[in-house]
C-alpha atoms as a PDB file:
ATOM      1  CA  UNK A   1     -72.723  90.498   3.236  1.00  0.00           C
ATOM      2  CA  UNK A   2     -76.444  91.143   2.877  1.00  0.00           C
ATOM      3  CA  UNK A   3     -75.781  94.558   1.350  1.00  0.00           C
ATOM      4  CA  UNK A   4     -73.525  92.969  -1.252  1.00  0.00           C
ATOM      5  CA  UNK A   5     -76.226  90.478  -2.206  1.00  0.00           C
ATOM      6  CA  UNK A   6     -78.796  93.263  -2.345  1.00  0.00           C
ATOM      7  CA  UNK A   7     -76.544  95.338  -4.596  1.00  0.00           C
ATOM      8  CA  UNK A   8     -75.775  92.397  -6.890  1.00  0.00           C
ATOM      9  CA  UNK A   9     -79.423  91.430  -7.380  1.00  0.00           C
ATOM     10  CA  UNK A  10     -80.451  95.077  -7.754  1.00  0.00           C
ATOM     11  CA  UNK A  11     -77.785  95.702 -10.378  1.00  0.00           C
ATOM     12  CA  UNK A  12     -78.840  92.585 -12.263  1.00  0.00           C
ATOM     13  CA  UNK A  13     -82.468  93.674 -12.296  1.00  0.00           C
ATOM     14  CA  UNK A  14     -81.553  97.164 -13.490  1.00  0.00           C
ATOM     15  CA  UNK A  15     -79.376  95.745 -16.280  1.00  0.00           C
ATOM     16  CA  UNK A  16     -82.186  93.425 -17.410  1.00  0.00           C
ATOM     17  CA  UNK A  17     -84.681  96.303 -17.372  1.00  0.00           C
ATOM     18  CA  UNK A  18     -82.313  98.480 -19.416  1.00  0.00           C
ATOM     19  CA  UNK A  19     -81.787  95.675 -21.910  1.00  0.00           C
ATOM     20  CA  UNK A  20     -85.556  95.349 -22.231  1.00  0.00           C
ATOM     21  CA  UNK A  21     -85.952  99.068 -22.925  1.00  0.00           C
ATOM     22  CA  UNK A  22     -83.113  99.034 -25.447  1.00  0.00           C
ATOM     23  CA  UNK A  23     -84.042  95.859 -27.329  1.00  0.00           C
ATOM     24  CA  UNK A  24     -87.763  95.457 -26.611  1.00  0.00           C
ATOM     25  CA  UNK A  25     -87.458  91.717 -26.015  1.00  0.00           C
ATOM     26  CA  UNK A  26     -89.640  90.449 -23.214  1.00  0.00           C
ATOM     27  CA  UNK A  27     -87.217  87.710 -22.205  1.00  0.00           C
ATOM     28  CA  UNK A  28     -85.196  90.346 -20.335  1.00  0.00           C
ATOM     29  CA  UNK A  29     -88.249  91.147 -18.222  1.00  0.00           C
ATOM     30  CA  UNK A  30     -88.597  87.456 -17.485  1.00  0.00           C
ATOM     31  CA  UNK A  31     -84.980  87.362 -16.342  1.00  0.00           C
ATOM     32  CA  UNK A  32     -85.542  90.472 -14.216  1.00  0.00           C
ATOM     33  CA  UNK A  33     -88.515  88.840 -12.517  1.00  0.00           C
ATOM     34  CA  UNK A  34     -86.516  85.650 -11.922  1.00  0.00           C
ATOM     35  CA  UNK A  35     -83.693  87.675 -10.391  1.00  0.00           C
ATOM     36  CA  UNK A  36     -86.175  89.552  -8.210  1.00  0.00           C
ATOM     37  CA  UNK A  37     -87.740  86.344  -6.938  1.00  0.00           C
ATOM     38  CA  UNK A  38     -84.319  84.765  -6.369  1.00  0.00           C
ATOM     39  CA  UNK A  39     -83.204  87.830  -4.440  1.00  0.00           C
ATOM     40  CA  UNK A  40     -86.387  87.800  -2.411  1.00  0.00           C
ATOM     41  CA  UNK A  41     -85.908  84.133  -1.588  1.00  0.00           C
ATOM     42  CA  UNK A  42     -82.274  84.691  -0.685  1.00  0.00           C
ATOM     43  CA  UNK A  43     -83.257  87.542   1.603  1.00  0.00           C
ATOM     44  CA  UNK A  44     -85.854  85.422   3.386  1.00  0.00           C
ATOM     45  CA  UNK A  45     -83.389  82.586   3.888  1.00  0.00           C
ATOM     46  CA  UNK A  46     -80.711  85.010   5.098  1.00  0.00           C
ATOM     47  CA  UNK A  47     -83.166  86.568   7.547  1.00  0.00           C
ATOM     48  CA  UNK A  48     -84.280  83.154   8.811  1.00  0.00           C
ATOM     49  CA  UNK A  49     -80.701  82.041   9.382  1.00  0.00           C
ATOM     50  CA  UNK A  50     -79.913  85.230  11.305  1.00  0.00           C
ATOM     51  CA  UNK A  51     -83.072  84.822  13.370  1.00  0.00           C
ATOM     52  CA  UNK A  52     -82.332  81.189  14.209  1.00  0.00           C
ATOM     53  CA  UNK A  53     -78.722  82.070  14.994  1.00  0.00           C
ATOM     54  CA  UNK A  54     -79.881  84.745  17.429  1.00  0.00           C
ATOM     55  CA  UNK A  55     -82.398  82.462  19.123  1.00  0.00           C
ATOM     56  CA  UNK A  56     -79.876  79.667  19.704  1.00  0.00           C
END
């Protein structure tokens, strides 16, 4: 499941970066950074849940 989330966020970031290079609009970089931070937050929460699950 984690690999699927990683792939989805990674693909989204790559698409936003490609759109930025094609169009030159900076809003795509803003979306890429938002996706990166959302993916990072999701990963931290996923890790915390797995850690708590293992401790209990």
